[in-house]
Amino acid sequence: MLNEKTDAIWYHGGQAMIKDMQVVTAATDTGKSTIVVNAVKANASNKWYYDTATTIAGLIGVTYDTAITYGNWTELTANGFEITPTVGDKYIRVVEVDTSYKPVAVGDALLNIG
């Protein structure tokens, strides 16, 4: 019957989370790699930090709404910045953080080293 209605609660939304960020590396000089982040910062005051390791599992983890310990990371001061990773490191993780050092976006890549 047309006048019959069903009571219902509808929820359309999602849980807040860290965005994925594309990170690309390019072998440059001997023992060096240039890091390119294919993303625009969510806010101009945000910063990028990176960590390198021999395995993906060895990279520092990040959790939504939990500030990073920035002393354990190295600031990536510009897009297209050349780094000298520790000998033997094969992976990089770049995290974008807000002014409270809480992660906004994160991306991993295989290091291409010259």
PDB file of N, CA and C in Angstrom:
ATOM      1  N   MET A   1       0.814  -1.135   0.000  1.00  0.00           N
ATOM      2  CA  MET A   1       0.000   0.000   0.000  1.00  0.00           C
ATOM      3  C   MET A   1       0.895   1.247   0.000  1.00  0.00           C
ATOM      4  N   LEU A   2       0.497   2.235  -0.684  1.00  0.00           N
ATOM      5  CA  LEU A   2       1.324   3.407  -0.887  1.00  0.00           C
ATOM      6  C   LEU A   2       1.556   4.218   0.376  1.00  0.00           C
ATOM      7  N   ASN A   3       0.665   4.184   1.316  1.00  0.00           N
ATOM      8  CA  ASN A   3       0.818   4.976   2.524  1.00  0.00           C
ATOM      9  C   ASN A   3       1.672   4.294   3.586  1.00  0.00           C
ATOM     10  N   GLU A   4       2.046   3.065   3.373  1.00  0.00           N
ATOM     11  CA  GLU A   4       2.883   2.374   4.343  1.00  0.00           C
ATOM     12  C   GLU A   4       4.326   2.809   4.145  1.00  0.00           C
ATOM     13  N   LYS A   5       4.974   3.083   5.244  1.00  0.00           N
ATOM     14  CA  LYS A   5       6.368   3.531   5.184  1.00  0.00           C
ATOM     15  C   LYS A   5       7.189   2.699   6.143  1.00  0.00           C
ATOM     16  N   THR A   6       8.440   2.541   5.821  1.00  0.00           N
ATOM     17  CA  THR A   6       9.351   1.804   6.675  1.00  0.00           C
ATOM     18  C   THR A   6      10.267   2.793   7.381  1.00  0.00           C
ATOM     19  N   ASP A   7      10.428   2.613   8.687  1.00  0.00           N
ATOM     20  CA  ASP A   7      11.379   3.442   9.419  1.00  0.00           C
ATOM     21  C   ASP A   7      12.779   2.931   9.132  1.00  0.00           C
ATOM     22  N   ALA A   8      13.680   3.850   8.874  1.00  0.00           N
ATOM     23  CA  ALA A   8      15.056   3.443   8.580  1.00  0.00           C
ATOM     24  C   ALA A   8      16.003   4.580   8.911  1.00  0.00           C
ATOM     25  N   ILE A   9      17.199   4.199   9.202  1.00  0.00           N
ATOM     26  CA  ILE A   9      18.274   5.160   9.396  1.00  0.00           C
ATOM     27  C   ILE A   9      19.308   4.863   8.325  1.00  0.00           C
ATOM     28  N   TRP A  10      19.650   5.888   7.587  1.00  0.00           N
ATOM     29  CA  TRP A  10      20.644   5.741   6.536  1.00  0.00           C
ATOM     30  C   TRP A  10      21.882   6.538   6.910  1.00  0.00           C
ATOM     31  N   TYR A  11      23.010   5.929   6.723  1.00  0.00           N
ATOM     32  CA  TYR A  11      24.275   6.617   6.960  1.00  0.00           C
ATOM     33  C   TYR A  11      25.082   6.529   5.681  1.00  0.00           C
ATOM     34  N   HIS A  12      25.479   7.665   5.191  1.00  0.00           N
ATOM     35  CA  HIS A  12      26.323   7.692   4.005  1.00  0.00           C
ATOM     36  C   HIS A  12      27.547   8.530   4.349  1.00  0.00           C
ATOM     37  N   GLY A  13      28.653   7.882   4.457  1.00  0.00           N
ATOM     38  CA  GLY A  13      29.869   8.595   4.839  1.00  0.00           C
ATOM     39  C   GLY A  13      31.017   7.620   4.953  1.00  0.00           C
ATOM     40  N   GLY A  14      32.062   8.066   5.564  1.00  0.00           N
ATOM     41  CA  GLY A  14      33.213   7.201   5.698  1.00  0.00           C
ATOM     42  C   GLY A  14      34.038   7.608   6.889  1.00  0.00           C
ATOM     43  N   GLN A  15      34.912   6.733   7.217  1.00  0.00           N
ATOM     44  CA  GLN A  15      35.813   6.971   8.336  1.00  0.00           C
ATOM     45  C   GLN A  15      36.989   7.818   7.838  1.00  0.00           C
ATOM     46  N   ALA A  16      37.403   8.771   8.642  1.00  0.00           N
ATOM     47  CA  ALA A  16      38.554   9.593   8.266  1.00  0.00           C
ATOM     48  C   ALA A  16      39.790   8.706   8.141  1.00  0.00           C
ATOM     49  N   MET A  17      40.634   9.022   7.186  1.00  0.00           N
ATOM     50  CA  MET A  17      41.818   8.205   6.976  1.00  0.00           C
ATOM     51  C   MET A  17      42.920   9.013   6.309  1.00  0.00           C
ATOM     52  N   ILE A  18      44.102   8.426   6.307  1.00  0.00           N
ATOM     53  CA  ILE A  18      45.251   9.051   5.652  1.00  0.00           C
ATOM     54  C   ILE A  18      45.120   8.833   4.146  1.00  0.00           C
ATOM     55  N   LYS A  19      45.315   9.882   3.378  1.00  0.00           N
ATOM     56  CA  LYS A  19      45.230   9.771   1.919  1.00  0.00           C
ATOM     57  C   LYS A  19      46.479   9.095   1.366  1.00  0.00           C
ATOM     58  N   ASP A  20      46.302   8.430   0.234  1.00  0.00           N
ATOM     59  CA  ASP A  20      47.437   7.856  -0.484  1.00  0.00           C
ATOM     60  C   ASP A  20      48.125   8.950  -1.283  1.00  0.00           C
ATOM     61  N   MET A  21      49.446   8.871  -1.325  1.00  0.00           N
ATOM     62  CA  MET A  21      50.236   9.852  -2.044  1.00  0.00           C
ATOM     63  C   MET A  21      51.190   9.089  -2.956  1.00  0.00           C
ATOM     64  N   GLN A  22      51.290   9.501  -4.207  1.00  0.00           N
ATOM     65  CA  GLN A  22      52.203   8.837  -5.134  1.00  0.00           C
ATOM     66  C   GLN A  22      53.598   9.440  -5.003  1.00  0.00           C
ATOM     67  N   VAL A  23      54.576   8.556  -4.755  1.00  0.00           N
ATOM     68  CA  VAL A  23      55.974   8.962  -4.615  1.00  0.00           C
ATOM     69  C   VAL A  23      56.772   8.252  -5.703  1.00  0.00           C
ATOM     70  N   VAL A  24      57.604   9.002  -6.407  1.00  0.00           N
ATOM     71  CA  VAL A  24      58.437   8.462  -7.475  1.00  0.00           C
ATOM     72  C   VAL A  24      59.883   8.831  -7.173  1.00  0.00           C
ATOM     73  N   THR A  25      60.799   7.910  -7.458  1.00  0.00           N
ATOM     74  CA  THR A  25      62.217   8.208  -7.253  1.00  0.00           C
ATOM     75  C   THR A  25      62.968   8.045  -8.564  1.00  0.00           C
ATOM     76  N   ALA A  26      64.051   8.797  -8.698  1.00  0.00           N
ATOM     77  CA  ALA A  26      64.878   8.728  -9.899  1.00  0.00           C
ATOM     78  C   ALA A  26      66.341   8.697  -9.488  1.00  0.00           C
ATOM     79  N   ALA A  27      67.075   7.743 -10.049  1.00  0.00           N
ATOM     80  CA  ALA A  27      68.506   7.662  -9.788  1.00  0.00           C
ATOM     81  C   ALA A  27      69.180   8.895 -10.368  1.00  0.00           C
ATOM     82  N   THR A  28      69.998   9.529  -9.547  1.00  0.00           N
ATOM     83  CA  THR A  28      70.704  10.719 -10.023  1.00  0.00           C
ATOM     84  C   THR A  28      72.197  10.455  -9.912  1.00  0.00           C
ATOM     85  N   ASP A  29      72.889  11.144  -9.073  1.00  0.00           N
ATOM     86  CA  ASP A  29      74.325  10.964  -8.907  1.00  0.00           C
ATOM     87  C   ASP A  29      74.608   9.659  -8.163  1.00  0.00           C
ATOM     88  N   THR A  30      75.854   9.239  -8.115  1.00  0.00           N
ATOM     89  CA  THR A  30      76.242   8.016  -7.423  1.00  0.00           C
ATOM     90  C   THR A  30      75.781   8.046  -5.970  1.00  0.00           C
ATOM     91  N   GLY A  31      75.003   7.033  -5.585  1.00  0.00           N
ATOM     92  CA  GLY A  31      74.521   6.929  -4.216  1.00  0.00           C
ATOM     93  C   GLY A  31      73.391   7.881  -3.868  1.00  0.00           C
ATOM     94  N   LYS A  32      72.808   8.534  -4.891  1.00  0.00           N
ATOM     95  CA  LYS A  32      71.762   9.532  -4.631  1.00  0.00           C
ATOM     96  C   LYS A  32      70.478   9.208  -5.399  1.00  0.00           C
ATOM     97  N   SER A  33      69.391   9.753  -4.900  1.00  0.00           N
ATOM     98  CA  SER A  33      68.085   9.568  -5.514  1.00  0.00           C
ATOM     99  C   SER A  33      67.292  10.866  -5.383  1.00  0.00           C
ATOM    100  N   THR A  34      66.564  11.219  -6.436  1.00  0.00           N
ATOM    101  CA  THR A  34      65.692  12.388  -6.382  1.00  0.00           C
ATOM    102  C   THR A  34      64.283  11.905  -6.099  1.00  0.00           C
ATOM    103  N   ILE A  35      63.635  12.567  -5.128  1.00  0.00           N
ATOM    104  CA  ILE A  35      62.303  12.176  -4.685  1.00  0.00           C
ATOM    105  C   ILE A  35      61.285  13.155  -5.240  1.00  0.00           C
ATOM    106  N   VAL A  36      60.283  12.629  -5.939  1.00  0.00           N
ATOM    107  CA  VAL A  36      59.219  13.449  -6.502  1.00  0.00           C
ATOM    108  C   VAL A  36      57.892  12.974  -5.918  1.00  0.00           C
ATOM    109  N   VAL A  37      57.161  13.904  -5.335  1.00  0.00           N
ATOM    110  CA  VAL A  37      55.841  13.623  -4.786  1.00  0.00           C
ATOM    111  C   VAL A  37      54.818  14.132  -5.785  1.00  0.00           C
ATOM    112  N   ASN A  38      53.994  13.223  -6.307  1.00  0.00           N
ATOM    113  CA  ASN A  38      52.973  13.614  -7.284  1.00  0.00           C
ATOM    114  C   ASN A  38      51.677  13.958  -6.563  1.00  0.00           C
ATOM    115  N   ALA A  39      51.742  14.993  -5.751  1.00  0.00           N
ATOM    116  CA  ALA A  39      50.570  15.460  -4.999  1.00  0.00           C
ATOM    117  C   ALA A  39      50.802  16.909  -4.594  1.00  0.00           C
ATOM    118  N   VAL A  40      49.721  17.600  -4.402  1.00  0.00           N
ATOM    119  CA  VAL A  40      49.773  18.955  -3.883  1.00  0.00           C
ATOM    120  C   VAL A  40      49.452  18.866  -2.399  1.00  0.00           C
ATOM    121  N   LYS A  41      50.208  19.577  -1.584  1.00  0.00           N
ATOM    122  CA  LYS A  41      49.949  19.557  -0.147  1.00  0.00           C
ATOM    123  C   LYS A  41      48.521  20.023   0.133  1.00  0.00           C
ATOM    124  N   ALA A  42      47.886  19.388   1.099  1.00  0.00           N
ATOM    125  CA  ALA A  42      46.515  19.732   1.476  1.00  0.00           C
ATOM    126  C   ALA A  42      46.432  21.159   2.025  1.00  0.00           C
ATOM    127  N   ASN A  43      47.538  21.627   2.601  1.00  0.00           N
ATOM    128  CA  ASN A  43      47.593  22.975   3.158  1.00  0.00           C
ATOM    129  C   ASN A  43      49.023  23.485   2.956  1.00  0.00           C
ATOM    130  N   ALA A  44      49.181  24.728   2.624  1.00  0.00           N
ATOM    131  CA  ALA A  44      50.514  25.284   2.356  1.00  0.00           C
ATOM    132  C   ALA A  44      51.449  25.190   3.554  1.00  0.00           C
ATOM    133  N   SER A  45      50.914  25.147   4.770  1.00  0.00           N
ATOM    134  CA  SER A  45      51.758  25.062   5.965  1.00  0.00           C
ATOM    135  C   SER A  45      52.154  23.618   6.312  1.00  0.00           C
ATOM    136  N   ASN A  46      51.621  22.639   5.581  1.00  0.00           N
ATOM    137  CA  ASN A  46      52.004  21.241   5.817  1.00  0.00           C
ATOM    138  C   ASN A  46      53.441  21.000   5.378  1.00  0.00           C
ATOM    139  N   LYS A  47      54.043  19.936   5.919  1.00  0.00           N
ATOM    140  CA  LYS A  47      55.419  19.572   5.567  1.00  0.00           C
ATOM    141  C   LYS A  47      55.481  18.110   5.154  1.00  0.00           C
ATOM    142  N   TRP A  48      56.515  17.794   4.379  1.00  0.00           N
ATOM    143  CA  TRP A  48      56.797  16.414   4.015  1.00  0.00           C
ATOM    144  C   TRP A  48      58.007  15.937   4.799  1.00  0.00           C
ATOM    145  N   TYR A  49      57.939  14.686   5.256  1.00  0.00           N
ATOM    146  CA  TYR A  49      59.061  14.019   5.903  1.00  0.00           C
ATOM    147  C   TYR A  49      59.233  12.663   5.247  1.00  0.00           C
ATOM    148  N   TYR A  50      60.467  12.120   5.313  1.00  0.00           N
ATOM    149  CA  TYR A  50      60.685  10.801   4.727  1.00  0.00           C
ATOM    150  C   TYR A  50      61.522   9.930   5.635  1.00  0.00           C
ATOM    151  N   ASP A  51      61.412   8.623   5.373  1.00  0.00           N
ATOM    152  CA  ASP A  51      62.181   7.598   6.058  1.00  0.00           C
ATOM    153  C   ASP A  51      62.598   6.584   5.000  1.00  0.00           C
ATOM    154  N   THR A  52      63.801   6.056   5.100  1.00  0.00           N
ATOM    155  CA  THR A  52      64.249   5.003   4.193  1.00  0.00           C
ATOM    156  C   THR A  52      64.610   3.768   5.004  1.00  0.00           C
ATOM    157  N   ALA A  53      64.518   2.601   4.347  1.00  0.00           N
ATOM    158  CA  ALA A  53      64.825   1.343   5.032  1.00  0.00           C
ATOM    159  C   ALA A  53      65.157   0.271   4.001  1.00  0.00           C
ATOM    160  N   THR A  54      65.701  -0.827   4.483  1.00  0.00           N
ATOM    161  CA  THR A  54      66.057  -1.932   3.594  1.00  0.00           C
ATOM    162  C   THR A  54      64.833  -2.726   3.148  1.00  0.00           C
ATOM    163  N   THR A  55      63.753  -2.706   3.951  1.00  0.00           N
ATOM    164  CA  THR A  55      62.513  -3.408   3.614  1.00  0.00           C
ATOM    165  C   THR A  55      61.326  -2.485   3.869  1.00  0.00           C
ATOM    166  N   ILE A  56      60.205  -2.800   3.254  1.00  0.00           N
ATOM    167  CA  ILE A  56      58.973  -2.036   3.506  1.00  0.00           C
ATOM    168  C   ILE A  56      58.604  -2.130   4.986  1.00  0.00           C
ATOM    169  N   ALA A  57      58.732  -3.318   5.550  1.00  0.00           N
ATOM    170  CA  ALA A  57      58.396  -3.518   6.966  1.00  0.00           C
ATOM    171  C   ALA A  57      59.283  -2.690   7.885  1.00  0.00           C
ATOM    172  N   GLY A  58      60.464  -2.331   7.429  1.00  0.00           N
ATOM    173  CA  GLY A  58      61.389  -1.549   8.231  1.00  0.00           C
ATOM    174  C   GLY A  58      61.098  -0.052   8.257  1.00  0.00           C
ATOM    175  N   LEU A  59      60.176   0.402   7.400  1.00  0.00           N
ATOM    176  CA  LEU A  59      59.823   1.819   7.365  1.00  0.00           C
ATOM    177  C   LEU A  59      58.993   2.178   8.598  1.00  0.00           C
ATOM    178  N   ILE A  60      59.148   3.407   9.072  1.00  0.00           N
ATOM    179  CA  ILE A  60      58.376   3.874  10.220  1.00  0.00           C
ATOM    180  C   ILE A  60      56.900   3.918   9.842  1.00  0.00           C
ATOM    181  N   GLY A  61      56.051   3.379  10.697  1.00  0.00           N
ATOM    182  CA  GLY A  61      54.618   3.372  10.450  1.00  0.00           C
ATOM    183  C   GLY A  61      53.975   4.705  10.802  1.00  0.00           C
ATOM    184  N   VAL A  62      52.830   4.968  10.194  1.00  0.00           N
ATOM    185  CA  VAL A  62      52.055   6.169  10.503  1.00  0.00           C
ATOM    186  C   VAL A  62      50.618   5.761  10.779  1.00  0.00           C
ATOM    187  N   THR A  63      49.986   6.503  11.677  1.00  0.00           N
ATOM    188  CA  THR A  63      48.609   6.226  12.073  1.00  0.00           C
ATOM    189  C   THR A  63      47.807   7.512  12.002  1.00  0.00           C
ATOM    190  N   TYR A  64      46.604   7.404  11.478  1.00  0.00           N
ATOM    191  CA  TYR A  64      45.735   8.573  11.369  1.00  0.00           C
ATOM    192  C   TYR A  64      45.541   9.208  12.746  1.00  0.00           C
ATOM    193  N   ASP A  65      45.615  10.523  12.805  1.00  0.00           N
ATOM    194  CA  ASP A  65      45.374  11.342  13.991  1.00  0.00           C
ATOM    195  C   ASP A  65      46.389  11.118  15.121  1.00  0.00           C
ATOM    196  N   THR A  66      47.528  10.497  14.803  1.00  0.00           N
ATOM    197  CA  THR A  66      48.601  10.311  15.780  1.00  0.00           C
ATOM    198  C   THR A  66      49.850  10.998  15.241  1.00  0.00           C
ATOM    199  N   ALA A  67      50.320  11.999  15.955  1.00  0.00           N
ATOM    200  CA  ALA A  67      51.478  12.777  15.498  1.00  0.00           C
ATOM    201  C   ALA A  67      52.710  11.888  15.335  1.00  0.00           C
ATOM    202  N   ILE A  68      53.478  12.179  14.297  1.00  0.00           N
ATOM    203  CA  ILE A  68      54.746  11.467  14.112  1.00  0.00           C
ATOM    204  C   ILE A  68      55.775  12.066  15.082  1.00  0.00           C
ATOM    205  N   THR A  69      56.784  11.296  15.375  1.00  0.00           N
ATOM    206  CA  THR A  69      57.936  11.815  16.122  1.00  0.00           C
ATOM    207  C   THR A  69      58.892  12.335  15.060  1.00  0.00           C
ATOM    208  N   TYR A  70      58.785  13.641  14.769  1.00  0.00           N
ATOM    209  CA  TYR A  70      59.511  14.186  13.612  1.00  0.00           C
ATOM    210  C   TYR A  70      61.016  14.030  13.734  1.00  0.00           C
ATOM    211  N   GLY A  71      61.552  13.840  14.939  1.00  0.00           N
ATOM    212  CA  GLY A  71      62.986  13.619  15.104  1.00  0.00           C
ATOM    213  C   GLY A  71      63.455  12.300  14.507  1.00  0.00           C
ATOM    214  N   ASN A  72      62.506  11.383  14.260  1.00  0.00           N
ATOM    215  CA  ASN A  72      62.837  10.085  13.654  1.00  0.00           C
ATOM    216  C   ASN A  72      62.769  10.141  12.131  1.00  0.00           C
ATOM    217  N   TRP A  73      62.328  11.238  11.586  1.00  0.00           N
ATOM    218  CA  TRP A  73      62.152  11.417  10.152  1.00  0.00           C
ATOM    219  C   TRP A  73      63.106  12.505   9.660  1.00  0.00           C
ATOM    220  N   THR A  74      63.265  12.582   8.339  1.00  0.00           N
ATOM    221  CA  THR A  74      64.052  13.643   7.720  1.00  0.00           C
ATOM    222  C   THR A  74      63.107  14.494   6.886  1.00  0.00           C
ATOM    223  N   GLU A  75      63.195  15.812   7.037  1.00  0.00           N
ATOM    224  CA  GLU A  75      62.294  16.677   6.278  1.00  0.00           C
ATOM    225  C   GLU A  75      62.677  16.681   4.801  1.00  0.00           C
ATOM    226  N   LEU A  76      61.675  16.529   3.965  1.00  0.00           N
ATOM    227  CA  LEU A  76      61.825  16.657   2.514  1.00  0.00           C
ATOM    228  C   LEU A  76      61.460  18.100   2.203  1.00  0.00           C
ATOM    229  N   THR A  77      62.468  18.931   2.069  1.00  0.00           N
ATOM    230  CA  THR A  77      62.253  20.382   2.025  1.00  0.00           C
ATOM    231  C   THR A  77      61.673  20.890   0.707  1.00  0.00           C
ATOM    232  N   ALA A  78      61.730  20.082  -0.353  1.00  0.00           N
ATOM    233  CA  ALA A  78      61.184  20.511  -1.639  1.00  0.00           C
ATOM    234  C   ALA A  78      60.848  19.288  -2.477  1.00  0.00           C
ATOM    235  N   ASN A  79      59.884  19.452  -3.352  1.00  0.00           N
ATOM    236  CA  ASN A  79      59.566  18.388  -4.306  1.00  0.00           C
ATOM    237  C   ASN A  79      60.697  18.332  -5.328  1.00  0.00           C
ATOM    238  N   GLY A  80      61.142  17.132  -5.657  1.00  0.00           N
ATOM    239  CA  GLY A  80      62.268  16.987  -6.569  1.00  0.00           C
ATOM    240  C   GLY A  80      63.604  17.126  -5.855  1.00  0.00           C
ATOM    241  N   PHE A  81      63.597  16.885  -4.551  1.00  0.00           N
ATOM    242  CA  PHE A  81      64.803  17.028  -3.731  1.00  0.00           C
ATOM    243  C   PHE A  81      65.668  15.771  -3.843  1.00  0.00           C
ATOM    244  N   GLU A  82      66.974  15.961  -3.963  1.00  0.00           N
ATOM    245  CA  GLU A  82      67.916  14.842  -4.046  1.00  0.00           C
ATOM    246  C   GLU A  82      68.362  14.441  -2.641  1.00  0.00           C
ATOM    247  N   ILE A  83      68.283  13.129  -2.344  1.00  0.00           N
ATOM    248  CA  ILE A  83      68.703  12.630  -1.037  1.00  0.00           C
ATOM    249  C   ILE A  83      69.839  11.630  -1.211  1.00  0.00           C
ATOM    250  N   THR A  84      70.548  11.374  -0.119  1.00  0.00           N
ATOM    251  CA  THR A  84      71.576  10.330  -0.081  1.00  0.00           C
ATOM    252  C   THR A  84      71.134   9.318   0.963  1.00  0.00           C
ATOM    253  N   PRO A  85      70.431   8.258   0.532  1.00  0.00           N
ATOM    254  CA  PRO A  85      69.942   7.278   1.508  1.00  0.00           C
ATOM    255  C   PRO A  85      71.093   6.467   2.107  1.00  0.00           C
ATOM    256  N   THR A  86      70.831   5.875   3.256  1.00  0.00           N
ATOM    257  CA  THR A  86      71.801   4.995   3.888  1.00  0.00           C
ATOM    258  C   THR A  86      72.102   3.829   2.947  1.00  0.00           C
ATOM    259  N   VAL A  87      73.367   3.435   2.844  1.00  0.00           N
ATOM    260  CA  VAL A  87      73.760   2.327   1.975  1.00  0.00           C
ATOM    261  C   VAL A  87      72.942   1.088   2.340  1.00  0.00           C
ATOM    262  N   GLY A  88      72.353   0.457   1.356  1.00  0.00           N
ATOM    263  CA  GLY A  88      71.557  -0.751   1.558  1.00  0.00           C
ATOM    264  C   GLY A  88      70.064  -0.485   1.639  1.00  0.00           C
ATOM    265  N   ASP A  89      69.661   0.765   1.880  1.00  0.00           N
ATOM    266  CA  ASP A  89      68.235   1.069   1.926  1.00  0.00           C
ATOM    267  C   ASP A  89      67.649   0.991   0.522  1.00  0.00           C
ATOM    268  N   LYS A  90      66.456   0.379   0.419  1.00  0.00           N
ATOM    269  CA  LYS A  90      65.829   0.157  -0.877  1.00  0.00           C
ATOM    270  C   LYS A  90      64.445   0.774  -1.001  1.00  0.00           C
ATOM    271  N   TYR A  91      63.882   1.248   0.116  1.00  0.00           N
ATOM    272  CA  TYR A  91      62.522   1.770   0.101  1.00  0.00           C
ATOM    273  C   TYR A  91      62.460   3.129   0.796  1.00  0.00           C
ATOM    274  N   ILE A  92      61.461   3.913   0.396  1.00  0.00           N
ATOM    275  CA  ILE A  92      61.246   5.214   1.011  1.00  0.00           C
ATOM    276  C   ILE A  92      59.771   5.372   1.322  1.00  0.00           C
ATOM    277  N   ARG A  93      59.490   6.017   2.438  1.00  0.00           N
ATOM    278  CA  ARG A  93      58.120   6.406   2.805  1.00  0.00           C
ATOM    279  C   ARG A  93      58.130   7.918   3.000  1.00  0.00           C
ATOM    280  N   VAL A  94      57.200   8.592   2.337  1.00  0.00           N
ATOM    281  CA  VAL A  94      57.043  10.036   2.501  1.00  0.00           C
ATOM    282  C   VAL A  94      55.691  10.266   3.159  1.00  0.00           C
ATOM    283  N   VAL A  95      55.683  11.107   4.185  1.00  0.00           N
ATOM    284  CA  VAL A  95      54.443  11.438   4.887  1.00  0.00           C
ATOM    285  C   VAL A  95      54.251  12.948   4.856  1.00  0.00           C
ATOM    286  N   GLU A  96      53.031  13.366   4.558  1.00  0.00           N
ATOM    287  CA  GLU A  96      52.671  14.783   4.663  1.00  0.00           C
ATOM    288  C   GLU A  96      52.000  14.963   6.015  1.00  0.00           C
ATOM    289  N   VAL A  97      52.468  15.943   6.789  1.00  0.00           N
ATOM    290  CA  VAL A  97      51.905  16.183   8.111  1.00  0.00           C
ATOM    291  C   VAL A  97      51.381  17.614   8.209  1.00  0.00           C
ATOM    292  N   ASP A  98      50.401  17.799   9.089  1.00  0.00           N
ATOM    293  CA  ASP A  98      49.884  19.135   9.337  1.00  0.00           C
ATOM    294  C   ASP A  98      50.752  19.834  10.388  1.00  0.00           C
ATOM    295  N   THR A  99      50.351  20.992  10.847  1.00  0.00           N
ATOM    296  CA  THR A  99      51.167  21.764  11.786  1.00  0.00           C
ATOM    297  C   THR A  99      51.281  21.097  13.156  1.00  0.00           C
ATOM    298  N   SER A 100      50.438  20.106  13.429  1.00  0.00           N
ATOM    299  CA  SER A 100      50.526  19.326  14.674  1.00  0.00           C
ATOM    300  C   SER A 100      51.300  18.027  14.462  1.00  0.00           C
ATOM    301  N   TYR A 101      51.916  17.879  13.273  1.00  0.00           N
ATOM    302  CA  TYR A 101      52.682  16.695  12.872  1.00  0.00           C
ATOM    303  C   TYR A 101      51.816  15.443  12.759  1.00  0.00           C
ATOM    304  N   LYS A 102      50.512  15.642  12.525  1.00  0.00           N
ATOM    305  CA  LYS A 102      49.619  14.507  12.308  1.00  0.00           C
ATOM    306  C   LYS A 102      49.576  14.196  10.810  1.00  0.00           C
ATOM    307  N   PRO A 103      49.691  12.920  10.436  1.00  0.00           N
ATOM    308  CA  PRO A 103      49.714  12.540   9.025  1.00  0.00           C
ATOM    309  C   PRO A 103      48.427  12.891   8.282  1.00  0.00           C
ATOM    310  N   VAL A 104      48.603  13.432   7.091  1.00  0.00           N
ATOM    311  CA  VAL A 104      47.502  13.762   6.202  1.00  0.00           C
ATOM    312  C   VAL A 104      47.517  12.808   5.007  1.00  0.00           C
ATOM    313  N   ALA A 105      48.726  12.495   4.521  1.00  0.00           N
ATOM    314  CA  ALA A 105      48.886  11.610   3.368  1.00  0.00           C
ATOM    315  C   ALA A 105      50.218  10.865   3.517  1.00  0.00           C
ATOM    316  N   VAL A 106      50.287   9.691   2.879  1.00  0.00           N
ATOM    317  CA  VAL A 106      51.505   8.894   2.940  1.00  0.00           C
ATOM    318  C   VAL A 106      51.670   8.101   1.645  1.00  0.00           C
ATOM    319  N   GLY A 107      52.921   7.893   1.249  1.00  0.00           N
ATOM    320  CA  GLY A 107      53.210   7.106   0.066  1.00  0.00           C
ATOM    321  C   GLY A 107      54.564   6.431   0.180  1.00  0.00           C
ATOM    322  N   ASP A 108      54.679   5.250  -0.410  1.00  0.00           N
ATOM    323  CA  ASP A 108      55.915   4.475  -0.406  1.00  0.00           C
ATOM    324  C   ASP A 108      56.413   4.284  -1.843  1.00  0.00           C
ATOM    325  N   ALA A 109      57.710   4.075  -1.977  1.00  0.00           N
ATOM    326  CA  ALA A 109      58.286   3.817  -3.285  1.00  0.00           C
ATOM    327  C   ALA A 109      59.574   3.028  -3.142  1.00  0.00           C
ATOM    328  N   LEU A 110      59.932   2.343  -4.209  1.00  0.00           N
ATOM    329  CA  LEU A 110      61.228   1.690  -4.328  1.00  0.00           C
ATOM    330  C   LEU A 110      62.237   2.773  -4.660  1.00  0.00           C
ATOM    331  N   LEU A 111      63.356   2.772  -3.943  1.00  0.00           N
ATOM    332  CA  LEU A 111      64.391   3.780  -4.204  1.00  0.00           C
ATOM    333  C   LEU A 111      65.185   3.411  -5.452  1.00  0.00           C
ATOM    334  N   ASN A 112      65.279   4.332  -6.384  1.00  0.00           N
ATOM    335  CA  ASN A 112      66.170   4.202  -7.527  1.00  0.00           C
ATOM    336  C   ASN A 112      67.388   5.035  -7.201  1.00  0.00           C
ATOM    337  N   ILE A 113      68.523   4.375  -7.077  1.00  0.00           N
ATOM    338  CA  ILE A 113      69.744   5.058  -6.609  1.00  0.00           C
ATOM    339  C   ILE A 113      70.812   4.978  -7.691  1.00  0.00           C
ATOM    340  N   GLY A 114      71.463   6.112  -7.933  1.00  0.00           N
ATOM    341  CA  GLY A 114      72.504   6.178  -8.956  1.00  0.00           C
ATOM    342  C   GLY A 114      73.788   5.537  -8.517  1.00  0.00           C
TER     343      GLY A 114
END
